[in-house]
């Protein structure tokens, strides 16, 4: 069941792509973070995954739903 709406999905995909690419493209900026830069990449991968699958486990726990309800 999807709980991530279209606008939320676009924002997650954009932010995820930036977080995955930034530590590699801006290595000098992220170098002081040390191993934390891998956490930034991991967060980006999670954001991309939730955008692709349109499901956010945290939304389920918090009872949030940003996608419109399909009425049959």
N, C-alpha and C. Protein backbone atom coordinates (compact mmCIF):
# COMPACT_ATOMS: atom_id res chain seq x y z
N UNK A 1 0.85 -1.17 0.00
CA UNK A 1 0.00 0.00 0.00
C UNK A 1 0.90 1.24 0.00
N UNK A 2 0.60 2.16 -0.86
CA UNK A 2 1.38 3.39 -0.98
C UNK A 2 0.93 4.41 0.06
N UNK A 3 1.90 5.11 0.64
CA UNK A 3 1.55 6.18 1.56
C UNK A 3 2.37 7.45 1.29
N UNK A 4 3.07 7.47 0.15
CA UNK A 4 3.86 8.63 -0.26
C UNK A 4 3.22 9.21 -1.51
N UNK A 5 2.79 10.46 -1.43
CA UNK A 5 2.11 11.12 -2.54
C UNK A 5 3.06 11.62 -3.61
N UNK A 6 2.50 12.17 -4.70
CA UNK A 6 3.32 12.59 -5.84
C UNK A 6 4.32 13.71 -5.52
N UNK A 7 3.90 14.74 -4.82
CA UNK A 7 4.81 15.83 -4.49
C UNK A 7 5.89 15.34 -3.52
N UNK A 8 5.48 14.59 -2.53
CA UNK A 8 6.40 14.01 -1.56
C UNK A 8 7.41 13.10 -2.27
N UNK A 9 6.94 12.35 -3.24
CA UNK A 9 7.81 11.44 -4.00
C UNK A 9 8.86 12.21 -4.79
N UNK A 10 8.47 13.29 -5.43
CA UNK A 10 9.41 14.11 -6.20
C UNK A 10 10.46 14.72 -5.28
N UNK A 11 10.01 15.24 -4.14
CA UNK A 11 10.95 15.83 -3.18
C UNK A 11 11.91 14.79 -2.62
N UNK A 12 11.42 13.61 -2.31
CA UNK A 12 12.28 12.54 -1.80
C UNK A 12 13.30 12.11 -2.85
N UNK A 13 12.85 11.99 -4.10
CA UNK A 13 13.76 11.57 -5.16
C UNK A 13 14.85 12.61 -5.37
N UNK A 14 14.47 13.88 -5.39
CA UNK A 14 15.44 14.95 -5.60
C UNK A 14 16.44 15.02 -4.44
N UNK A 15 15.94 15.03 -3.23
CA UNK A 15 16.81 15.08 -2.06
C UNK A 15 17.71 13.85 -1.98
N UNK A 16 17.15 12.68 -2.28
CA UNK A 16 17.93 11.46 -2.26
C UNK A 16 19.06 11.48 -3.28
N UNK A 17 18.78 11.95 -4.48
CA UNK A 17 19.82 12.03 -5.51
C UNK A 17 20.93 12.99 -5.10
N UNK A 18 20.55 14.11 -4.51
CA UNK A 18 21.55 15.09 -4.05
C UNK A 18 22.40 14.50 -2.93
N UNK A 19 21.77 13.81 -1.98
CA UNK A 19 22.51 13.23 -0.86
C UNK A 19 23.44 12.10 -1.30
N UNK A 20 23.05 11.36 -2.31
CA UNK A 20 23.92 10.29 -2.81
C UNK A 20 25.10 10.86 -3.58
N UNK A 21 24.87 11.88 -4.38
CA UNK A 21 25.91 12.42 -5.25
C UNK A 21 26.85 13.41 -4.55
N UNK A 22 26.35 14.16 -3.60
CA UNK A 22 27.13 15.25 -3.00
C UNK A 22 28.46 14.81 -2.39
N UNK A 23 28.51 13.76 -1.58
CA UNK A 23 29.81 13.38 -1.00
C UNK A 23 30.86 13.00 -2.04
N UNK A 24 30.44 12.57 -3.21
CA UNK A 24 31.38 12.20 -4.26
C UNK A 24 31.78 13.40 -5.11
N UNK A 25 30.82 14.28 -5.40
CA UNK A 25 31.09 15.44 -6.23
C UNK A 25 31.76 16.57 -5.45
N UNK A 26 31.47 16.67 -4.18
CA UNK A 26 32.03 17.72 -3.32
C UNK A 26 32.87 17.07 -2.22
N UNK A 27 33.82 16.26 -2.62
CA UNK A 27 34.61 15.48 -1.66
C UNK A 27 35.32 16.35 -0.63
N UNK A 28 35.82 17.51 -1.05
CA UNK A 28 36.54 18.39 -0.12
C UNK A 28 35.62 18.92 0.97
N UNK A 29 34.38 19.17 0.62
CA UNK A 29 33.41 19.69 1.58
C UNK A 29 33.02 18.62 2.60
N UNK A 30 32.89 17.39 2.15
CA UNK A 30 32.44 16.32 3.02
C UNK A 30 33.59 15.58 3.70
N UNK A 31 34.84 15.88 3.34
CA UNK A 31 36.00 15.20 3.92
C UNK A 31 36.07 15.36 5.45
N UNK A 32 35.78 16.55 6.02
CA UNK A 32 35.84 16.68 7.48
C UNK A 32 34.83 15.79 8.22
N UNK A 33 33.80 15.32 7.54
CA UNK A 33 32.81 14.47 8.18
C UNK A 33 33.34 13.06 8.44
N UNK A 34 34.40 12.69 7.76
CA UNK A 34 34.97 11.35 7.95
C UNK A 34 34.00 10.27 7.51
N UNK A 35 33.78 9.30 8.38
CA UNK A 35 32.90 8.18 8.05
C UNK A 35 31.43 8.60 7.99
N UNK A 36 31.09 9.76 8.53
CA UNK A 36 29.71 10.22 8.49
C UNK A 36 29.23 10.49 7.09
N UNK A 37 30.14 10.71 6.16
CA UNK A 37 29.71 10.95 4.78
C UNK A 37 29.01 9.71 4.22
N UNK A 38 29.36 8.52 4.73
CA UNK A 38 28.66 7.31 4.30
C UNK A 38 27.24 7.27 4.85
N UNK A 39 27.03 7.87 6.00
CA UNK A 39 25.68 7.99 6.55
C UNK A 39 24.83 8.91 5.67
N UNK A 40 25.46 9.96 5.12
CA UNK A 40 24.75 10.86 4.21
C UNK A 40 24.32 10.09 2.96
N UNK A 41 25.22 9.28 2.43
CA UNK A 41 24.89 8.46 1.25
C UNK A 41 23.79 7.46 1.59
N UNK A 42 23.87 6.83 2.75
CA UNK A 42 22.85 5.86 3.16
C UNK A 42 21.48 6.54 3.29
N UNK A 43 21.47 7.74 3.86
CA UNK A 43 20.21 8.48 3.98
C UNK A 43 19.64 8.77 2.60
N UNK A 44 20.51 9.13 1.66
CA UNK A 44 20.07 9.37 0.29
C UNK A 44 19.49 8.13 -0.36
N UNK A 45 20.10 6.98 -0.11
CA UNK A 45 19.60 5.72 -0.67
C UNK A 45 18.23 5.39 -0.08
N UNK A 46 18.04 5.63 1.21
CA UNK A 46 16.73 5.41 1.83
C UNK A 46 15.69 6.33 1.22
N UNK A 47 16.04 7.58 1.01
CA UNK A 47 15.11 8.53 0.39
C UNK A 47 14.73 8.09 -1.02
N UNK A 48 15.72 7.63 -1.80
CA UNK A 48 15.44 7.14 -3.14
C UNK A 48 14.55 5.90 -3.09
N UNK A 49 14.82 5.00 -2.14
CA UNK A 49 14.01 3.79 -2.01
C UNK A 49 12.56 4.09 -1.67
N UNK A 50 12.34 5.02 -0.76
CA UNK A 50 10.96 5.36 -0.40
C UNK A 50 10.26 6.07 -1.55
N UNK A 51 11.00 6.79 -2.38
CA UNK A 51 10.40 7.43 -3.55
C UNK A 51 10.02 6.40 -4.60
N UNK A 52 10.89 5.44 -4.82
CA UNK A 52 10.64 4.43 -5.86
C UNK A 52 9.48 3.52 -5.46
N UNK A 53 9.48 3.06 -4.22
CA UNK A 53 8.45 2.11 -3.78
C UNK A 53 7.18 2.78 -3.26
N UNK A 54 7.20 4.11 -3.14
CA UNK A 54 6.06 4.90 -2.68
C UNK A 54 5.55 4.44 -1.31
N UNK A 55 6.48 3.98 -0.47
CA UNK A 55 6.11 3.51 0.86
C UNK A 55 7.17 3.97 1.86
N UNK A 56 6.71 4.59 2.94
CA UNK A 56 7.61 5.06 3.99
C UNK A 56 7.20 4.40 5.31
N UNK A 57 8.06 3.54 5.87
CA UNK A 57 7.71 2.89 7.13
C UNK A 57 7.47 3.88 8.27
N UNK A 58 8.19 4.98 8.30
CA UNK A 58 7.98 5.98 9.35
C UNK A 58 6.59 6.60 9.24
N UNK A 59 6.11 6.81 8.02
CA UNK A 59 4.76 7.33 7.83
C UNK A 59 3.73 6.36 8.41
N UNK A 60 3.96 5.08 8.23
CA UNK A 60 3.04 4.08 8.76
C UNK A 60 3.00 4.15 10.28
N UNK A 61 4.16 4.26 10.90
CA UNK A 61 4.21 4.33 12.36
C UNK A 61 3.55 5.59 12.90
N UNK A 62 3.69 6.70 12.16
CA UNK A 62 3.14 7.97 12.61
C UNK A 62 1.71 8.22 12.12
N UNK A 63 1.20 7.34 11.26
CA UNK A 63 -0.15 7.50 10.74
C UNK A 63 -0.28 8.60 9.71
N UNK A 64 0.79 8.88 8.99
CA UNK A 64 0.78 9.93 7.97
C UNK A 64 0.58 9.30 6.60
N UNK A 65 -0.17 9.98 5.76
CA UNK A 65 -0.39 9.51 4.39
C UNK A 65 -0.47 10.74 3.50
N UNK A 66 0.46 10.87 2.54
CA UNK A 66 0.46 12.04 1.66
C UNK A 66 -0.11 11.73 0.28
N UNK A 67 -0.42 10.47 0.01
CA UNK A 67 -1.00 10.16 -1.29
C UNK A 67 -2.53 10.18 -1.17
N UNK A 68 -3.20 10.53 -2.25
CA UNK A 68 -4.65 10.57 -2.18
C UNK A 68 -5.23 9.15 -2.04
N UNK A 69 -6.33 9.06 -1.33
CA UNK A 69 -6.99 7.78 -1.13
C UNK A 69 -7.81 7.46 -2.38
N UNK A 70 -7.61 6.27 -2.92
CA UNK A 70 -8.35 5.84 -4.09
C UNK A 70 -9.68 5.28 -3.63
N UNK A 71 -10.76 5.88 -4.15
CA UNK A 71 -12.10 5.41 -3.77
C UNK A 71 -12.65 4.54 -4.88
N UNK A 72 -13.18 3.40 -4.50
CA UNK A 72 -13.72 2.49 -5.53
C UNK A 72 -15.21 2.48 -5.55
